Amino acid sequence: MSEMEPVPAATVVLIREASSGLEVLLLRRNSKLVFHGGHWVFPGGRIDDNDFAGEDKNLEYPAALRAAVRETKEEAGIDLDSANLIHTAHWTTPPKLPRRFCTWFFVCPITEPVSVVVDNDEILEHRWISPHDALREAEQESIVLPRPTSATLKGLVQHSSLNQLRSELISAEITVFPENSSYYRPQEMGCP
């Protein structure tokens, strides 16, 4: 059996300051979905052909930015400006799994109130939750988090403000899983 090629995708970690500290937006996927059904995830999905547009139509990074904005609107009803997305990670699903994705992860600091409207089809509910509480609930098995979601939350736990988070993310190295993934070629893919 040949190895399945991963599908390019994009995910957005929306994060805001609340009175109790930083909170991320998590969405619960419909349990009827084949991929991560019932799991709590960040907004995101596959990069569509329409996301490859303009003069950079062959480059995956600009398409990932467009997909991240589009998927956040489709799944959570939130309009984002791609200029506010900070590229932080790239995850490729391991071989031998029935569905594989190579996903660009972006963090988007939210400084103005936003209204979340889920589609009630793919996404059934949402919540703003601190990274610490989400990880604790996953540990207690009251929610299920995919591995990339859990790893991302672990990296956010120590941050206390959006300004601190933003400045650290801008200077941090991109997390690539697996290391040296052939599906992450930033310069070739149009990543600045």
C-alpha atoms as a PDB file:
ATOM      1  CA  MET A   1       0.000   0.000   0.000  1.00  0.00           C
ATOM      2  CA  SER A   2       1.457   3.347  -1.000  1.00  0.00           C
ATOM      3  CA  GLU A   3       1.746   6.183   1.464  1.00  0.00           C
ATOM      4  CA  MET A   4      -1.046   8.763   1.248  1.00  0.00           C
ATOM      5  CA  GLU A   5       0.110  12.275   0.366  1.00  0.00           C
ATOM      6  CA  PRO A   6      -0.924  14.846   2.987  1.00  0.00           C
ATOM      7  CA  VAL A   7      -3.415  17.546   1.956  1.00  0.00           C
ATOM      8  CA  PRO A   8      -2.265  21.156   2.577  1.00  0.00           C
ATOM      9  CA  ALA A   9      -4.298  22.863   5.319  1.00  0.00           C
ATOM     10  CA  ALA A  10      -4.281  25.891   7.629  1.00  0.00           C
ATOM     11  CA  THR A  11      -5.293  26.449  11.257  1.00  0.00           C
ATOM     12  CA  VAL A  12      -5.734  29.626  13.297  1.00  0.00           C
ATOM     13  CA  VAL A  13      -5.239  29.948  17.047  1.00  0.00           C
ATOM     14  CA  LEU A  14      -7.413  32.918  18.004  1.00  0.00           C
ATOM     15  CA  ILE A  15      -6.254  34.218  21.374  1.00  0.00           C
ATOM     16  CA  ARG A  16      -7.515  37.082  23.526  1.00  0.00           C
ATOM     17  CA  GLU A  17      -6.900  38.635  26.914  1.00  0.00           C
ATOM     18  CA  ALA A  18      -9.604  38.035  29.522  1.00  0.00           C
ATOM     19  CA  SER A  19      -9.795  39.039  33.183  1.00  0.00           C
ATOM     20  CA  SER A  20      -8.386  35.624  34.144  1.00  0.00           C
ATOM     21  CA  GLY A  21      -5.552  35.677  31.565  1.00  0.00           C
ATOM     22  CA  LEU A  22      -5.250  34.529  27.966  1.00  0.00           C
ATOM     23  CA  GLU A  23      -8.019  32.492  26.335  1.00  0.00           C
ATOM     24  CA  VAL A  24      -8.119  30.614  23.030  1.00  0.00           C
ATOM     25  CA  LEU A  25     -11.116  29.834  20.861  1.00  0.00           C
ATOM     26  CA  LEU A  26     -11.847  26.114  20.594  1.00  0.00           C
ATOM     27  CA  LEU A  27     -14.516  24.626  18.351  1.00  0.00           C
ATOM     28  CA  ARG A  28     -16.153  21.215  18.806  1.00  0.00           C
ATOM     29  CA  ARG A  29     -16.307  19.236  15.560  1.00  0.00           C
ATOM     30  CA  ASN A  30     -19.412  17.246  14.755  1.00  0.00           C
ATOM     31  CA  SER A  31     -18.929  13.678  16.041  1.00  0.00           C
ATOM     32  CA  LYS A  32     -20.192  12.370  12.670  1.00  0.00           C
ATOM     33  CA  LEU A  33     -17.096  13.737  10.897  1.00  0.00           C
ATOM     34  CA  VAL A  34     -14.489  11.132   9.954  1.00  0.00           C
ATOM     35  CA  PHE A  35     -11.459  13.281  10.842  1.00  0.00           C
ATOM     36  CA  HIS A  36     -11.337  14.291  14.538  1.00  0.00           C
ATOM     37  CA  GLY A  37     -15.104  13.923  14.952  1.00  0.00           C
ATOM     38  CA  GLY A  38     -16.185  15.264  18.369  1.00  0.00           C
ATOM     39  CA  HIS A  39     -12.750  16.752  19.090  1.00  0.00           C
ATOM     40  CA  TRP A  40     -12.108  20.330  20.197  1.00  0.00           C
ATOM     41  CA  VAL A  41      -9.934  22.144  17.649  1.00  0.00           C
ATOM     42  CA  PHE A  42      -8.866  25.564  16.438  1.00  0.00           C
ATOM     43  CA  PRO A  43     -10.648  26.926  13.335  1.00  0.00           C
ATOM     44  CA  GLY A  44      -9.101  25.596  10.143  1.00  0.00           C
ATOM     45  CA  GLY A  45      -9.277  23.231   7.234  1.00  0.00           C
ATOM     46  CA  ARG A  46      -7.853  22.230   3.883  1.00  0.00           C
ATOM     47  CA  ILE A  47      -6.416  24.754   1.428  1.00  0.00           C
ATOM     48  CA  ASP A  48      -8.825  24.925  -1.529  1.00  0.00           C
ATOM     49  CA  ASP A  49      -7.887  25.548  -5.167  1.00  0.00           C
ATOM     50  CA  ASN A  50      -9.476  29.019  -4.879  1.00  0.00           C
ATOM     51  CA  ASP A  51      -7.012  29.886  -2.096  1.00  0.00           C
ATOM     52  CA  PHE A  52      -4.224  29.728  -4.705  1.00  0.00           C
ATOM     53  CA  ALA A  53      -4.775  33.061  -6.451  1.00  0.00           C
ATOM     54  CA  GLY A  54      -3.092  36.101  -7.955  1.00  0.00           C
ATOM     55  CA  GLU A  55       0.566  36.399  -8.834  1.00  0.00           C
ATOM     56  CA  ASP A  56       1.514  33.884  -6.114  1.00  0.00           C
ATOM     57  CA  LYS A  57      -0.858  31.180  -7.367  1.00  0.00           C
ATOM     58  CA  ASN A  58       1.735  28.416  -7.103  1.00  0.00           C
ATOM     59  CA  LEU A  59       2.873  29.263  -3.575  1.00  0.00           C
ATOM     60  CA  GLU A  60       1.428  27.388  -0.619  1.00  0.00           C
ATOM     61  CA  TYR A  61       2.149  29.939   2.145  1.00  0.00           C
ATOM     62  CA  PRO A  62      -0.026  32.786   0.742  1.00  0.00           C
ATOM     63  CA  ALA A  63      -2.724  30.200  -0.021  1.00  0.00           C
ATOM     64  CA  ALA A  64      -2.503  29.014   3.600  1.00  0.00           C
ATOM     65  CA  LEU A  65      -3.060  32.584   4.814  1.00  0.00           C
ATOM     66  CA  ARG A  66      -6.164  32.892   2.618  1.00  0.00           C
ATOM     67  CA  ALA A  67      -7.417  29.462   3.748  1.00  0.00           C
ATOM     68  CA  ALA A  68      -6.913  30.397   7.410  1.00  0.00           C
ATOM     69  CA  VAL A  69      -9.006  33.553   6.971  1.00  0.00           C
ATOM     70  CA  ARG A  70     -11.694  31.722   4.943  1.00  0.00           C
ATOM     71  CA  GLU A  71     -11.984  28.757   7.304  1.00  0.00           C
ATOM     72  CA  THR A  72     -12.244  31.024  10.368  1.00  0.00           C
ATOM     73  CA  LYS A  73     -15.116  32.865   8.694  1.00  0.00           C
ATOM     74  CA  GLU A  74     -16.830  29.608   7.645  1.00  0.00           C
ATOM     75  CA  GLU A  75     -16.446  27.796  10.960  1.00  0.00           C
ATOM     76  CA  ALA A  76     -16.669  30.621  13.514  1.00  0.00           C
ATOM     77  CA  GLY A  77     -18.183  33.581  11.640  1.00  0.00           C
ATOM     78  CA  ILE A  78     -15.150  35.771  12.411  1.00  0.00           C
ATOM     79  CA  ASP A  79     -13.518  38.051   9.838  1.00  0.00           C
ATOM     80  CA  LEU A  80      -9.725  38.177  10.111  1.00  0.00           C
ATOM     81  CA  ASP A  81      -7.069  40.248   8.401  1.00  0.00           C
ATOM     82  CA  SER A  82      -4.288  37.923   7.216  1.00  0.00           C
ATOM     83  CA  ALA A  83      -1.765  40.646   8.169  1.00  0.00           C
ATOM     84  CA  ASN A  84      -2.515  39.803  11.835  1.00  0.00           C
ATOM     85  CA  LEU A  85      -1.639  36.102  11.459  1.00  0.00           C
ATOM     86  CA  ILE A  86       1.673  34.996  12.952  1.00  0.00           C
ATOM     87  CA  HIS A  87       3.080  31.778  11.470  1.00  0.00           C
ATOM     88  CA  THR A  88       4.158  29.572  14.389  1.00  0.00           C
ATOM     89  CA  ALA A  89       4.170  25.919  13.316  1.00  0.00           C
ATOM     90  CA  HIS A  90       3.777  23.354  10.541  1.00  0.00           C
ATOM     91  CA  TRP A  91       2.430  19.879  11.355  1.00  0.00           C
ATOM     92  CA  THR A  92       2.310  16.887   9.017  1.00  0.00           C
ATOM     93  CA  THR A  93       0.125  13.912   9.944  1.00  0.00           C
ATOM     94  CA  PRO A  94       2.270  10.766  10.285  1.00  0.00           C
ATOM     95  CA  PRO A  95       2.257   8.190   7.455  1.00  0.00           C
ATOM     96  CA  LYS A  96      -0.044   5.162   7.456  1.00  0.00           C
ATOM     97  CA  LEU A  97      -3.042   7.139   8.756  1.00  0.00           C
ATOM     98  CA  PRO A  98      -6.237   7.154   6.651  1.00  0.00           C
ATOM     99  CA  ARG A  99      -6.257  10.965   6.395  1.00  0.00           C
ATOM    100  CA  ARG A 100      -3.156  13.125   6.274  1.00  0.00           C
ATOM    101  CA  PHE A 101      -2.680  16.891   6.339  1.00  0.00           C
ATOM    102  CA  CYS A 102       0.319  19.188   6.236  1.00  0.00           C
ATOM    103  CA  THR A 103      -0.992  22.127   8.229  1.00  0.00           C
ATOM    104  CA  TRP A 104       0.254  25.683   8.578  1.00  0.00           C
ATOM    105  CA  PHE A 105      -0.440  26.965  12.109  1.00  0.00           C
ATOM    106  CA  PHE A 106      -1.037  30.659  12.698  1.00  0.00           C
ATOM    107  CA  VAL A 107      -1.709  32.595  15.898  1.00  0.00           C
ATOM    108  CA  CYS A 108      -4.049  35.579  15.677  1.00  0.00           C
ATOM    109  CA  PRO A 109      -4.144  37.916  18.689  1.00  0.00           C
ATOM    110  CA  ILE A 110      -7.689  39.284  19.127  1.00  0.00           C
ATOM    111  CA  THR A 111      -7.801  42.775  20.631  1.00  0.00           C
ATOM    112  CA  GLU A 112     -11.418  43.738  19.847  1.00  0.00           C
ATOM    113  CA  PRO A 113     -14.522  41.799  20.934  1.00  0.00           C
ATOM    114  CA  VAL A 114     -15.683  39.280  18.326  1.00  0.00           C
ATOM    115  CA  SER A 115     -18.933  37.391  17.990  1.00  0.00           C
ATOM    116  CA  VAL A 116     -18.567  33.664  17.313  1.00  0.00           C
ATOM    117  CA  VAL A 117     -21.197  32.027  15.098  1.00  0.00           C
ATOM    118  CA  VAL A 118     -20.660  28.331  14.380  1.00  0.00           C
ATOM    119  CA  ASP A 119     -22.133  26.674  11.285  1.00  0.00           C
ATOM    120  CA  ASN A 120     -24.034  23.951  13.251  1.00  0.00           C
ATOM    121  CA  ASP A 121     -22.950  21.428  10.642  1.00  0.00           C
ATOM    122  CA  GLU A 122     -19.217  20.808  10.791  1.00  0.00           C
ATOM    123  CA  ILE A 123     -18.870  22.788  14.039  1.00  0.00           C
ATOM    124  CA  LEU A 124     -21.465  22.360  16.786  1.00  0.00           C
ATOM    125  CA  GLU A 125     -20.240  24.570  19.626  1.00  0.00           C
ATOM    126  CA  HIS A 126     -17.451  26.886  20.695  1.00  0.00           C
ATOM    127  CA  ARG A 127     -15.837  28.175  23.841  1.00  0.00           C
ATOM    128  CA  TRP A 128     -13.163  30.583  24.932  1.00  0.00           C
ATOM    129  CA  ILE A 129     -10.917  28.793  27.410  1.00  0.00           C
ATOM    130  CA  SER A 130      -7.480  29.270  28.925  1.00  0.00           C
ATOM    131  CA  PRO A 131      -4.807  26.947  27.534  1.00  0.00           C
ATOM    132  CA  HIS A 132      -4.270  25.602  31.065  1.00  0.00           C
ATOM    133  CA  ASP A 133      -7.965  24.763  31.559  1.00  0.00           C
ATOM    134  CA  ALA A 134      -8.240  23.125  28.126  1.00  0.00           C
ATOM    135  CA  LEU A 135      -5.241  20.896  28.864  1.00  0.00           C
ATOM    136  CA  ARG A 136      -6.628  20.042  32.318  1.00  0.00           C
ATOM    137  CA  GLU A 137     -10.015  19.091  30.835  1.00  0.00           C
ATOM    138  CA  ALA A 138      -8.278  16.927  28.222  1.00  0.00           C
ATOM    139  CA  GLU A 139      -6.256  15.225  30.949  1.00  0.00           C
ATOM    140  CA  GLN A 140      -9.521  14.552  32.834  1.00  0.00           C
ATOM    141  CA  GLU A 141     -10.961  13.221  29.542  1.00  0.00           C
ATOM    142  CA  SER A 142     -13.914  15.638  29.558  1.00  0.00           C
ATOM    143  CA  ILE A 143     -12.758  16.951  26.157  1.00  0.00           C
ATOM    144  CA  VAL A 144     -10.610  15.429  23.393  1.00  0.00           C
ATOM    145  CA  LEU A 145      -7.803  17.472  21.840  1.00  0.00           C
ATOM    146  CA  PRO A 146      -5.839  16.344  18.766  1.00  0.00           C
ATOM    147  CA  ARG A 147      -2.085  16.147  19.380  1.00  0.00           C
ATOM    148  CA  PRO A 148      -1.177  19.359  17.464  1.00  0.00           C
ATOM    149  CA  THR A 149      -3.870  21.266  19.389  1.00  0.00           C
ATOM    150  CA  SER A 150      -2.600  19.957  22.705  1.00  0.00           C
ATOM    151  CA  ALA A 151       1.044  20.741  21.818  1.00  0.00           C
ATOM    152  CA  THR A 152       0.073  24.267  20.742  1.00  0.00           C
ATOM    153  CA  LEU A 153      -1.804  24.868  24.007  1.00  0.00           C
ATOM    154  CA  LYS A 154       1.209  23.655  26.018  1.00  0.00           C
ATOM    155  CA  GLY A 155       3.317  26.280  24.249  1.00  0.00           C
ATOM    156  CA  LEU A 156       0.849  29.024  25.207  1.00  0.00           C
ATOM    157  CA  VAL A 157       0.444  28.223  28.919  1.00  0.00           C
ATOM    158  CA  GLN A 158       3.316  30.366  30.183  1.00  0.00           C
ATOM    159  CA  HIS A 159       2.174  33.543  28.415  1.00  0.00           C
ATOM    160  CA  SER A 160       0.277  36.149  30.398  1.00  0.00           C
ATOM    161  CA  SER A 161      -0.409  38.943  27.897  1.00  0.00           C
ATOM    162  CA  LEU A 162      -0.960  39.397  24.169  1.00  0.00           C
ATOM    163  CA  ASN A 163       1.960  41.829  23.927  1.00  0.00           C
ATOM    164  CA  GLN A 164       4.342  39.335  25.535  1.00  0.00           C
ATOM    165  CA  LEU A 165       2.995  36.516  23.381  1.00  0.00           C
ATOM    166  CA  ARG A 166       3.200  38.528  20.139  1.00  0.00           C
ATOM    167  CA  SER A 167       6.795  39.647  20.741  1.00  0.00           C
ATOM    168  CA  GLU A 168       7.918  36.121  21.635  1.00  0.00           C
ATOM    169  CA  LEU A 169       6.163  34.501  18.670  1.00  0.00           C
ATOM    170  CA  ILE A 170       7.616  36.955  16.156  1.00  0.00           C
ATOM    171  CA  SER A 171      11.164  36.076  17.221  1.00  0.00           C
ATOM    172  CA  ALA A 172      10.591  32.358  17.909  1.00  0.00           C
ATOM    173  CA  GLU A 173      11.578  29.518  15.598  1.00  0.00           C
ATOM    174  CA  ILE A 174       8.790  27.759  13.716  1.00  0.00           C
ATOM    175  CA  THR A 175       7.818  24.406  15.244  1.00  0.00           C
ATOM    176  CA  VAL A 176       7.993  21.743  12.524  1.00  0.00           C
ATOM    177  CA  PHE A 177       6.622  18.242  13.073  1.00  0.00           C
ATOM    178  CA  PRO A 178       8.173  15.973  12.150  1.00  0.00           C
ATOM    179  CA  GLU A 179      11.486  17.800  12.187  1.00  0.00           C
ATOM    180  CA  ASN A 180      12.933  18.288   8.689  1.00  0.00           C
ATOM    181  CA  SER A 181       9.561  17.502   7.103  1.00  0.00           C
ATOM    182  CA  SER A 182       9.798  17.444   3.322  1.00  0.00           C
ATOM    183  CA  TYR A 183       6.338  19.074   3.273  1.00  0.00           C
ATOM    184  CA  TYR A 184       7.688  22.239   4.904  1.00  0.00           C
ATOM    185  CA  ARG A 185       9.917  24.157   2.491  1.00  0.00           C
ATOM    186  CA  PRO A 186       9.286  27.753   3.611  1.00  0.00           C
ATOM    187  CA  GLN A 187      11.353  29.704   1.055  1.00  0.00           C
ATOM    188  CA  GLU A 188      10.154  27.584  -1.851  1.00  0.00           C
ATOM    189  CA  MET A 189       6.541  27.945  -0.646  1.00  0.00           C
ATOM    190  CA  GLY A 190       6.601  31.741  -0.390  1.00  0.00           C
ATOM    191  CA  CYS A 191       7.012  32.024   3.388  1.00  0.00           C
ATOM    192  CA  PRO A 192       8.821  35.272   4.334  1.00  0.00           C
END
